[in-house]
Amino acid sequence: SGLNNRDPSKPTEAGEPVPAVAESSAIGDHASQSEDLLAEIEREAAAITKAEQALKGHTAARDHLIRSALGTELRRVDIARSAGVKEARLYQIRDGRR
């Protein structure tokens, strides 16, 4: 059997271990795992960026609706409850603060 077909973690036919081959194989495994981790991190980071962009869009839409609602006869407490915010936040949104 040739060296390319053998298990690097097992000794040679002469009974001698081949540490360089085993180490090289382990380094390759770790490099592959590291590359996989980096790819997963990149995917999650991209998903976070996409979610943050969606959140900004939804927040802007909600704030626009709140400003519109504040110009109606709707009670402030009802607007705040529907928006999931405190009444004080309505005025911050209306005035473009925070």
PDB file of N, CA and C in Angstrom:
ATOM      1  N   SER A   1       0.833  -1.184   0.000  1.00  0.00           N
ATOM      2  CA  SER A   1       0.000   0.000   0.000  1.00  0.00           C
ATOM      3  C   SER A   1       0.867   1.232   0.000  1.00  0.00           C
ATOM      4  N   GLY A   2       0.445   2.282  -0.735  1.00  0.00           N
ATOM      5  CA  GLY A   2       1.215   3.516  -0.829  1.00  0.00           C
ATOM      6  C   GLY A   2       0.924   4.441   0.338  1.00  0.00           C
ATOM      7  N   LEU A   3       1.771   5.438   0.514  1.00  0.00           N
ATOM      8  CA  LEU A   3       1.586   6.394   1.607  1.00  0.00           C
ATOM      9  C   LEU A   3       0.292   7.184   1.462  1.00  0.00           C
ATOM     10  N   ASN A   4      -0.146   7.417   0.248  1.00  0.00           N
ATOM     11  CA  ASN A   4      -1.355   8.217   0.043  1.00  0.00           C
ATOM     12  C   ASN A   4      -2.619   7.496   0.477  1.00  0.00           C
ATOM     13  N   ASN A   5      -2.567   6.167   0.590  1.00  0.00           N
ATOM     14  CA  ASN A   5      -3.751   5.399   0.940  1.00  0.00           C
ATOM     15  C   ASN A   5      -3.796   4.997   2.412  1.00  0.00           C
ATOM     16  N   ARG A   6      -2.837   5.405   3.185  1.00  0.00           N
ATOM     17  CA  ARG A   6      -2.764   4.950   4.569  1.00  0.00           C
ATOM     18  C   ARG A   6      -3.358   5.986   5.521  1.00  0.00           C
ATOM     19  N   ASP A   7      -3.736   5.496   6.684  1.00  0.00           N
ATOM     20  CA  ASP A   7      -4.261   6.352   7.746  1.00  0.00           C
ATOM     21  C   ASP A   7      -3.083   7.020   8.440  1.00  0.00           C
ATOM     22  N   PRO A   8      -2.963   8.355   8.381  1.00  0.00           N
ATOM     23  CA  PRO A   8      -1.795   9.033   8.936  1.00  0.00           C
ATOM     24  C   PRO A   8      -1.688   8.902  10.453  1.00  0.00           C
ATOM     25  N   SER A   9      -2.767   8.529  11.119  1.00  0.00           N
ATOM     26  CA  SER A   9      -2.707   8.386  12.569  1.00  0.00           C
ATOM     27  C   SER A   9      -2.141   7.037  12.994  1.00  0.00           C
ATOM     28  N   LYS A  10      -1.964   6.114  12.032  1.00  0.00           N
ATOM     29  CA  LYS A  10      -1.448   4.768  12.335  1.00  0.00           C
ATOM     30  C   LYS A  10       0.025   4.690  11.946  1.00  0.00           C
ATOM     31  N   PRO A  11       0.784   3.849  12.618  1.00  0.00           N
ATOM     32  CA  PRO A  11       2.202   3.717  12.282  1.00  0.00           C
ATOM     33  C   PRO A  11       2.389   3.085  10.905  1.00  0.00           C
ATOM     34  N   THR A  12       3.594   3.238  10.386  1.00  0.00           N
ATOM     35  CA  THR A  12       3.935   2.626   9.099  1.00  0.00           C
ATOM     36  C   THR A  12       3.974   1.117   9.258  1.00  0.00           C
ATOM     37  N   GLU A  13       4.148   0.408   8.120  1.00  0.00           N
ATOM     38  CA  GLU A  13       4.238  -1.049   8.170  1.00  0.00           C
ATOM     39  C   GLU A  13       5.425  -1.488   9.012  1.00  0.00           C
ATOM     40  N   ALA A  14       6.442  -0.635   9.091  1.00  0.00           N
ATOM     41  CA  ALA A  14       7.622  -0.950   9.899  1.00  0.00           C
ATOM     42  C   ALA A  14       7.342  -0.684  11.373  1.00  0.00           C
ATOM     43  N   GLY A  15       6.156  -0.145  11.677  1.00  0.00           N
ATOM     44  CA  GLY A  15       5.790   0.082  13.067  1.00  0.00           C
ATOM     45  C   GLY A  15       6.160   1.456  13.586  1.00  0.00           C
ATOM     46  N   GLU A  16       6.662   2.311  12.720  1.00  0.00           N
ATOM     47  CA  GLU A  16       7.071   3.644  13.156  1.00  0.00           C
ATOM     48  C   GLU A  16       5.967   4.652  12.863  1.00  0.00           C
ATOM     49  N   PRO A  17       5.628   5.479  13.836  1.00  0.00           N
ATOM     50  CA  PRO A  17       4.630   6.513  13.572  1.00  0.00           C
ATOM     51  C   PRO A  17       5.198   7.567  12.625  1.00  0.00           C
ATOM     52  N   VAL A  18       4.347   8.221  11.918  1.00  0.00           N
ATOM     53  CA  VAL A  18       4.766   9.283  11.003  1.00  0.00           C
ATOM     54  C   VAL A  18       4.124  10.580  11.499  1.00  0.00           C
ATOM     55  N   PRO A  19       4.724  11.225  12.502  1.00  0.00           N
ATOM     56  CA  PRO A  19       4.109  12.394  13.119  1.00  0.00           C
ATOM     57  C   PRO A  19       3.884  13.553  12.157  1.00  0.00           C
ATOM     58  N   ALA A  20       4.807  13.748  11.225  1.00  0.00           N
ATOM     59  CA  ALA A  20       4.649  14.877  10.306  1.00  0.00           C
ATOM     60  C   ALA A  20       3.399  14.713   9.451  1.00  0.00           C
ATOM     61  N   VAL A  21       3.132  13.505   9.020  1.00  0.00           N
ATOM     62  CA  VAL A  21       1.952  13.249   8.195  1.00  0.00           C
ATOM     63  C   VAL A  21       0.691  13.441   9.030  1.00  0.00           C
ATOM     64  N   ALA A  22       0.700  12.901  10.263  1.00  0.00           N
ATOM     65  CA  ALA A  22      -0.464  13.044  11.136  1.00  0.00           C
ATOM     66  C   ALA A  22      -0.689  14.512  11.483  1.00  0.00           C
ATOM     67  N   GLU A  23       0.397  15.240  11.760  1.00  0.00           N
ATOM     68  CA  GLU A  23       0.278  16.665  12.111  1.00  0.00           C
ATOM     69  C   GLU A  23      -0.253  17.459  10.934  1.00  0.00           C
ATOM     70  N   SER A  24       0.269  17.169   9.748  1.00  0.00           N
ATOM     71  CA  SER A  24      -0.183  17.862   8.552  1.00  0.00           C
ATOM     72  C   SER A  24      -1.673  17.627   8.313  1.00  0.00           C
ATOM     73  N   SER A  25      -2.106  16.405   8.504  1.00  0.00           N
ATOM     74  CA  SER A  25      -3.520  16.068   8.336  1.00  0.00           C
ATOM     75  C   SER A  25      -4.369  16.807   9.358  1.00  0.00           C
ATOM     76  N   ALA A  26      -3.901  16.860  10.609  1.00  0.00           N
ATOM     77  CA  ALA A  26      -4.642  17.556  11.671  1.00  0.00           C
ATOM     78  C   ALA A  26      -4.729  19.045  11.376  1.00  0.00           C
ATOM     79  N   ILE A  27      -3.637  19.623  10.874  1.00  0.00           N
ATOM     80  CA  ILE A  27      -3.643  21.051  10.534  1.00  0.00           C
ATOM     81  C   ILE A  27      -4.668  21.308   9.435  1.00  0.00           C
ATOM     82  N   GLY A  28      -4.708  20.412   8.445  1.00  0.00           N
ATOM     83  CA  GLY A  28      -5.694  20.557   7.364  1.00  0.00           C
ATOM     84  C   GLY A  28      -7.111  20.486   7.895  1.00  0.00           C
ATOM     85  N   ASP A  29      -7.354  19.563   8.830  1.00  0.00           N
ATOM     86  CA  ASP A  29      -8.690  19.451   9.431  1.00  0.00           C
ATOM     87  C   ASP A  29      -9.060  20.721  10.173  1.00  0.00           C
ATOM     88  N   HIS A  30      -8.102  21.260  10.945  1.00  0.00           N
ATOM     89  CA  HIS A  30      -8.371  22.483  11.706  1.00  0.00           C
ATOM     90  C   HIS A  30      -8.592  23.672  10.775  1.00  0.00           C
ATOM     91  N   ALA A  31      -7.801  23.730   9.700  1.00  0.00           N
ATOM     92  CA  ALA A  31      -7.957  24.826   8.746  1.00  0.00           C
ATOM     93  C   ALA A  31      -9.341  24.771   8.107  1.00  0.00           C
ATOM     94  N   SER A  32      -9.769  23.567   7.760  1.00  0.00           N
ATOM     95  CA  SER A  32     -11.089  23.403   7.160  1.00  0.00           C
ATOM     96  C   SER A  32     -12.185  23.810   8.147  1.00  0.00           C
ATOM     97  N   GLN A  33     -12.027  23.377   9.404  1.00  0.00           N
ATOM     98  CA  GLN A  33     -13.009  23.748  10.427  1.00  0.00           C
ATOM     99  C   GLN A  33     -13.002  25.261  10.645  1.00  0.00           C
ATOM    100  N   SER A  34     -11.821  25.874  10.636  1.00  0.00           N
ATOM    101  CA  SER A  34     -11.704  27.322  10.806  1.00  0.00           C
ATOM    102  C   SER A  34     -12.379  28.060   9.662  1.00  0.00           C
ATOM    103  N   GLU A  35     -12.158  27.569   8.439  1.00  0.00           N
ATOM    104  CA  GLU A  35     -12.800  28.187   7.276  1.00  0.00           C
ATOM    105  C   GLU A  35     -14.319  28.053   7.372  1.00  0.00           C
ATOM    106  N   ASP A  36     -14.790  26.897   7.833  1.00  0.00           N
ATOM    107  CA  ASP A  36     -16.233  26.694   8.012  1.00  0.00           C
ATOM    108  C   ASP A  36     -16.791  27.663   9.045  1.00  0.00           C
ATOM    109  N   LEU A  37     -16.051  27.856  10.144  1.00  0.00           N
ATOM    110  CA  LEU A  37     -16.499  28.792  11.181  1.00  0.00           C
ATOM    111  C   LEU A  37     -16.566  30.212  10.639  1.00  0.00           C
ATOM    112  N   LEU A  38     -15.547  30.602   9.884  1.00  0.00           N
ATOM    113  CA  LEU A  38     -15.547  31.951   9.304  1.00  0.00           C
ATOM    114  C   LEU A  38     -16.728  32.131   8.350  1.00  0.00           C
ATOM    115  N   ALA A  39     -17.011  31.120   7.565  1.00  0.00           N
ATOM    116  CA  ALA A  39     -18.144  31.198   6.636  1.00  0.00           C
ATOM    117  C   ALA A  39     -19.454  31.322   7.411  1.00  0.00           C
ATOM    118  N   GLU A  40     -19.587  30.573   8.509  1.00  0.00           N
ATOM    119  CA  GLU A  40     -20.800  30.670   9.332  1.00  0.00           C
ATOM    120  C   GLU A  40     -20.915  32.045   9.972  1.00  0.00           C
ATOM    121  N   ILE A  41     -19.795  32.589  10.453  1.00  0.00           N
ATOM    122  CA  ILE A  41     -19.798  33.934  11.047  1.00  0.00           C
ATOM    123  C   ILE A  41     -20.240  34.955  10.012  1.00  0.00           C
ATOM    124  N   GLU A  42     -19.706  34.834   8.794  1.00  0.00           N
ATOM    125  CA  GLU A  42     -20.080  35.768   7.723  1.00  0.00           C
ATOM    126  C   GLU A  42     -21.573  35.683   7.420  1.00  0.00           C
ATOM    127  N   ARG A  43     -22.122  34.451   7.375  1.00  0.00           N
ATOM    128  CA  ARG A  43     -23.557  34.293   7.105  1.00  0.00           C
ATOM    129  C   ARG A  43     -24.393  34.935   8.203  1.00  0.00           C
ATOM    130  N   GLU A  44     -24.011  34.718   9.452  1.00  0.00           N
ATOM    131  CA  GLU A  44     -24.771  35.293  10.570  1.00  0.00           C
ATOM    132  C   GLU A  44     -24.653  36.813  10.586  1.00  0.00           C
ATOM    133  N   ALA A  45     -23.463  37.333  10.309  1.00  0.00           N
ATOM    134  CA  ALA A  45     -23.267  38.783  10.261  1.00  0.00           C
ATOM    135  C   ALA A  45     -24.130  39.399   9.159  1.00  0.00           C
ATOM    136  N   ALA A  46     -24.198  38.733   8.011  1.00  0.00           N
ATOM    137  CA  ALA A  46     -25.039  39.223   6.914  1.00  0.00           C
ATOM    138  C   ALA A  46     -26.510  39.185   7.311  1.00  0.00           C
ATOM    139  N   ALA A  47     -26.916  38.133   8.016  1.00  0.00           N
ATOM    140  CA  ALA A  47     -28.309  38.031   8.479  1.00  0.00           C
ATOM    141  C   ALA A  47     -28.624  39.143   9.481  1.00  0.00           C
ATOM    142  N   ILE A  48     -27.675  39.450  10.349  1.00  0.00           N
ATOM    143  CA  ILE A  48     -27.869  40.537  11.320  1.00  0.00           C
ATOM    144  C   ILE A  48     -28.015  41.867  10.594  1.00  0.00           C
ATOM    145  N   THR A  49     -27.148  42.117   9.625  1.00  0.00           N
ATOM    146  CA  THR A  49     -27.224  43.368   8.851  1.00  0.00           C
ATOM    147  C   THR A  49     -28.570  43.488   8.155  1.00  0.00           C
ATOM    148  N   LYS A  50     -29.020  42.391   7.564  1.00  0.00           N
ATOM    149  CA  LYS A  50     -30.314  42.393   6.872  1.00  0.00           C
ATOM    150  C   LYS A  50     -31.453  42.655   7.860  1.00  0.00           C
ATOM    151  N   ALA A  51     -31.391  42.030   9.031  1.00  0.00           N
ATOM    152  CA  ALA A  51     -32.428  42.229  10.056  1.00  0.00           C
ATOM    153  C   ALA A  51     -32.410  43.662  10.574  1.00  0.00           C
ATOM    154  N   GLU A  52     -31.204  44.229  10.759  1.00  0.00           N
ATOM    155  CA  GLU A  52     -31.108  45.615  11.219  1.00  0.00           C
ATOM    156  C   GLU A  52     -31.709  46.574  10.194  1.00  0.00           C
ATOM    157  N   GLN A  53     -31.465  46.313   8.921  1.00  0.00           N
ATOM    158  CA  GLN A  53     -32.042  47.149   7.864  1.00  0.00           C
ATOM    159  C   GLN A  53     -33.564  47.028   7.858  1.00  0.00           C
ATOM    160  N   ALA A  54     -34.067  45.809   8.025  1.00  0.00           N
ATOM    161  CA  ALA A  54     -35.515  45.605   8.079  1.00  0.00           C
ATOM    162  C   ALA A  54     -36.098  46.314   9.290  1.00  0.00           C
ATOM    163  N   LEU A  55     -35.416  46.229  10.429  1.00  0.00           N
ATOM    164  CA  LEU A  55     -35.881  46.898  11.645  1.00  0.00           C
ATOM    165  C   LEU A  55     -35.965  48.404  11.440  1.00  0.00           C
ATOM    166  N   LYS A  56     -34.954  48.974  10.796  1.00  0.00           N
ATOM    167  CA  LYS A  56     -34.977  50.423  10.518  1.00  0.00           C
ATOM    168  C   LYS A  56     -36.187  50.779   9.657  1.00  0.00           C
ATOM    169  N   GLY A  57     -36.466  49.959   8.659  1.00  0.00           N
ATOM    170  CA  GLY A  57     -37.609  50.220   7.785  1.00  0.00           C
ATOM    171  C   GLY A  57     -38.934  50.126   8.529  1.00  0.00           C
ATOM    172  N   HIS A  58     -39.065  49.101   9.364  1.00  0.00           N
ATOM    173  CA  HIS A  58     -40.299  48.937  10.141  1.00  0.00           C
ATOM    174  C   HIS A  58     -40.461  50.056  11.170  1.00  0.00           C
ATOM    175  N   THR A  59     -39.353  50.456  11.776  1.00  0.00           N
ATOM    176  CA  THR A  59     -39.402  51.544  12.759  1.00  0.00           C
ATOM    177  C   THR A  59     -39.823  52.847  12.087  1.00  0.00           C
ATOM    178  N   ALA A  60     -39.273  53.115  10.922  1.00  0.00           N
ATOM    179  CA  ALA A  60     -39.636  54.329  10.191  1.00  0.00           C
ATOM    180  C   ALA A  60     -41.120  54.310   9.812  1.00  0.00           C
ATOM    181  N   ALA A  61     -41.602  53.159   9.371  1.00  0.00           N
ATOM    182  CA  ALA A  61     -43.019  53.039   9.003  1.00  0.00           C
ATOM    183  C   ALA A  61     -43.908  53.237  10.232  1.00  0.00           C
ATOM    184  N   ARG A  62     -43.525  52.604  11.359  1.00  0.00           N
ATOM    185  CA  ARG A  62     -44.298  52.764  12.595  1.00  0.00           C
ATOM    186  C   ARG A  62     -44.311  54.225  13.029  1.00  0.00           C
ATOM    187  N   ASP A  63     -43.156  54.865  12.986  1.00  0.00           N
ATOM    188  CA  ASP A  63     -43.064  56.260  13.413  1.00  0.00           C
ATOM    189  C   ASP A  63     -43.917  57.167  12.530  1.00  0.00           C
ATOM    190  N   HIS A  64     -43.943  56.890  11.241  1.00  0.00           N
ATOM    191  CA  HIS A  64     -44.786  57.669  10.325  1.00  0.00           C
ATOM    192  C   HIS A  64     -46.266  57.501  10.695  1.00  0.00           C
ATOM    193  N   LEU A  65     -46.656  56.259  10.974  1.00  0.00           N
ATOM    194  CA  LEU A  65     -48.043  55.998  11.365  1.00  0.00           C
ATOM    195  C   LEU A  65     -48.392  56.674  12.693  1.00  0.00           C
ATOM    196  N   ILE A  66     -47.447  56.670  13.612  1.00  0.00           N
ATOM    197  CA  ILE A  66     -47.679  57.343  14.899  1.00  0.00           C
ATOM    198  C   ILE A  66     -47.875  58.834  14.674  1.00  0.00           C
ATOM    199  N   ARG A  67     -47.035  59.441  13.860  1.00  0.00           N
ATOM    200  CA  ARG A  67     -47.185  60.875  13.579  1.00  0.00           C
ATOM    201  C   ARG A  67     -48.548  61.159  12.951  1.00  0.00           C
ATOM    202  N   SER A  68     -48.975  60.280  12.058  1.00  0.00           N
ATOM    203  CA  SER A  68     -50.304  60.445  11.442  1.00  0.00           C
ATOM    204  C   SER A  68     -51.397  60.301  12.488  1.00  0.00           C
ATOM    205  N   ALA A  69     -51.271  59.304  13.355  1.00  0.00           N
ATOM    206  CA  ALA A  69     -52.284  59.064  14.391  1.00  0.00           C
ATOM    207  C   ALA A  69     -52.362  60.222  15.378  1.00  0.00           C
ATOM    208  N   LEU A  70     -51.222  60.841  15.653  1.00  0.00           N
ATOM    209  CA  LEU A  70     -51.221  61.971  16.590  1.00  0.00           C
ATOM    210  C   LEU A  70     -52.007  63.160  16.046  1.00  0.00           C
ATOM    211  N   GLY A  71     -52.203  63.196  14.745  1.00  0.00           N
ATOM    212  CA  GLY A  71     -52.980  64.275  14.130  1.00  0.00           C
ATOM    213  C   GLY A  71     -54.467  63.971  14.070  1.00  0.00           C
ATOM    214  N   THR A  72     -54.908  62.910  14.722  1.00  0.00           N
ATOM    215  CA  THR A  72     -56.319  62.528  14.706  1.00  0.00           C
ATOM    216  C   THR A  72     -56.909  62.658  16.100  1.00  0.00           C
ATOM    217  N   GLU A  73     -58.163  62.233  16.226  1.00  0.00           N
ATOM    218  CA  GLU A  73     -58.850  62.272  17.516  1.00  0.00           C
ATOM    219  C   GLU A  73     -58.490  61.084  18.412  1.00  0.00           C
ATOM    220  N   LEU A  74     -57.625  60.185  17.927  1.00  0.00           N
ATOM    221  CA  LEU A  74     -57.256  59.014  18.723  1.00  0.00           C
ATOM    222  C   LEU A  74     -56.602  59.429  20.041  1.00  0.00           C
ATOM    223  N   ARG A  75     -56.914  58.684  21.086  1.00  0.00           N
ATOM    224  CA  ARG A  75     -56.326  58.967  22.394  1.00  0.00           C
ATOM    225  C   ARG A  75     -54.854  58.561  22.384  1.00  0.00           C
ATOM    226  N   ARG A  76     -54.037  59.375  23.008  1.00  0.00           N
ATOM    227  CA  ARG A  76     -52.589  59.106  23.061  1.00  0.00           C
ATOM    228  C   ARG A  76     -52.308  57.746  23.710  1.00  0.00           C
ATOM    229  N   VAL A  77     -53.045  57.425  24.764  1.00  0.00           N
ATOM    230  CA  VAL A  77     -52.844  56.154  25.449  1.00  0.00           C
ATOM    231  C   VAL A  77     -53.104  54.977  24.506  1.00  0.00           C
ATOM    232  N   ASP A  78     -54.087  55.107  23.629  1.00  0.00           N
ATOM    233  CA  ASP A  78     -54.390  54.034  22.676  1.00  0.00           C
ATOM    234  C   ASP A  78     -53.308  53.919  21.597  1.00  0.00           C
ATOM    235  N   ILE A  79     -52.818  55.061  21.152  1.00  0.00           N
ATOM    236  CA  ILE A  79     -51.736  55.046  20.155  1.00  0.00           C
ATOM    237  C   ILE A  79     -50.492  54.387  20.754  1.00  0.00           C
ATOM    238  N   ALA A  80     -50.156  54.803  21.971  1.00  0.00           N
ATOM    239  CA  ALA A  80     -48.976  54.257  22.638  1.00  0.00           C
ATOM    240  C   ALA A  80     -49.119  52.752  22.845  1.00  0.00           C
ATOM    241  N   ARG A  81     -50.289  52.321  23.288  1.00  0.00           N
ATOM    242  CA  ARG A  81     -50.517  50.888  23.519  1.00  0.00           C
ATOM    243  C   ARG A  81     -50.376  50.115  22.213  1.00  0.00           C
ATOM    244  N   SER A  82     -50.953  50.628  21.146  1.00  0.00           N
ATOM    245  CA  SER A  82     -50.872  49.948  19.842  1.00  0.00           C
ATOM    246  C   SER A  82     -49.440  49.870  19.331  1.00  0.00           C
ATOM    247  N   ALA A  83     -48.662  50.914  19.622  1.00  0.00           N
ATOM    248  CA  ALA A  83     -47.275  50.954  19.148  1.00  0.00           C
ATOM    249  C   ALA A  83     -46.318  50.211  20.076  1.00  0.00           C
ATOM    250  N   GLY A  84     -46.788  49.863  21.266  1.00  0.00           N
ATOM    251  CA  GLY A  84     -45.911  49.190  22.218  1.00  0.00           C
ATOM    252  C   GLY A  84     -44.882  50.114  22.840  1.00  0.00           C
ATOM    253  N   VAL A  85     -45.256  51.387  22.968  1.00  0.00           N
ATOM    254  CA  VAL A  85     -44.349  52.366  23.571  1.00  0.00           C
ATOM    255  C   VAL A  85     -45.091  53.137  24.664  1.00  0.00           C
ATOM    256  N   LYS A  86     -44.344  53.896  25.437  1.00  0.00           N
ATOM    257  CA  LYS A  86     -44.951  54.759  26.456  1.00  0.00           C
ATOM    258  C   LYS A  86     -45.399  56.055  25.788  1.00  0.00           C
ATOM    259  N   GLU A  87     -46.350  56.720  26.412  1.00  0.00           N
ATOM    260  CA  GLU A  87     -46.862  57.964  25.833  1.00  0.00           C
ATOM    261  C   GLU A  87     -45.756  58.991  25.617  1.00  0.00           C
ATOM    262  N   ALA A  88     -44.819  59.068  26.543  1.00  0.00           N
ATOM    263  CA  ALA A  88     -43.724  60.032  26.400  1.00  0.00           C
ATOM    264  C   ALA A  88     -42.941  59.787  25.108  1.00  0.00           C
ATOM    265  N   ARG A  89     -42.827  58.527  24.718  1.00  0.00           N
ATOM    266  CA  ARG A  89     -42.100  58.178  23.490  1.00  0.00           C
ATOM    267  C   ARG A  89     -42.827  58.713  22.255  1.00  0.00           C
ATOM    268  N   LEU A  90     -44.154  58.810  22.322  1.00  0.00           N
ATOM    269  CA  LEU A  90     -44.922  59.354  21.194  1.00  0.00           C
ATOM    270  C   LEU A  90     -44.434  60.751  20.832  1.00  0.00           C
ATOM    271  N   TYR A  91     -44.175  61.540  21.852  1.00  0.00           N
ATOM    272  CA  TYR A  91     -43.768  62.926  21.607  1.00  0.00           C
ATOM    273  C   TYR A  91     -42.326  62.992  21.102  1.00  0.00           C
ATOM    274  N   GLN A  92     -41.503  62.060  21.541  1.00  0.00           N
ATOM    275  CA  GLN A  92     -40.140  61.989  20.993  1.00  0.00           C
ATOM    276  C   GLN A  92     -40.194  61.633  19.517  1.00  0.00           C
ATOM    277  N   ILE A  93     -41.061  60.695  19.172  1.00  0.00           N
ATOM    278  CA  ILE A  93     -41.219  60.292  17.781  1.00  0.00           C
ATOM    279  C   ILE A  93     -41.782  61.464  16.968  1.00  0.00           C
ATOM    280  N   ARG A  94     -42.820  62.104  17.503  1.00  0.00           N
ATOM    281  CA  ARG A  94     -43.428  63.242  16.810  1.00  0.00           C
ATOM    282  C   ARG A  94     -42.406  64.328  16.520  1.00  0.00           C
ATOM    283  N   ASP A  95     -41.531  64.594  17.505  1.00  0.00           N
ATOM    284  CA  ASP A  95     -40.555  65.681  17.378  1.00  0.00           C
ATOM    285  C   ASP A  95     -39.246  65.243  16.741  1.00  0.00           C
ATOM    286  N   GLY A  96     -39.137  63.943  16.381  1.00  0.00           N
ATOM    287  CA  GLY A  96     -37.928  63.451  15.730  1.00  0.00           C
ATOM    288  C   GLY A  96     -36.738  63.340  16.673  1.00  0.00           C
ATOM    289  N   ARG A  97     -37.008  63.170  17.955  1.00  0.00           N
ATOM    290  CA  ARG A  97     -35.918  63.005  18.936  1.00  0.00           C
ATOM    291  C   ARG A  97     -35.696  61.516  19.174  1.00  0.00           C
ATOM    292  N   ARG A  98     -34.462  61.114  19.262  1.00  0.00           N
ATOM    293  CA  ARG A  98     -34.044  59.726  19.520  1.00  0.00           C
ATOM    294  C   ARG A  98     -34.603  58.745  18.543  1.00  0.00           C
TER     295      ARG A  98
END
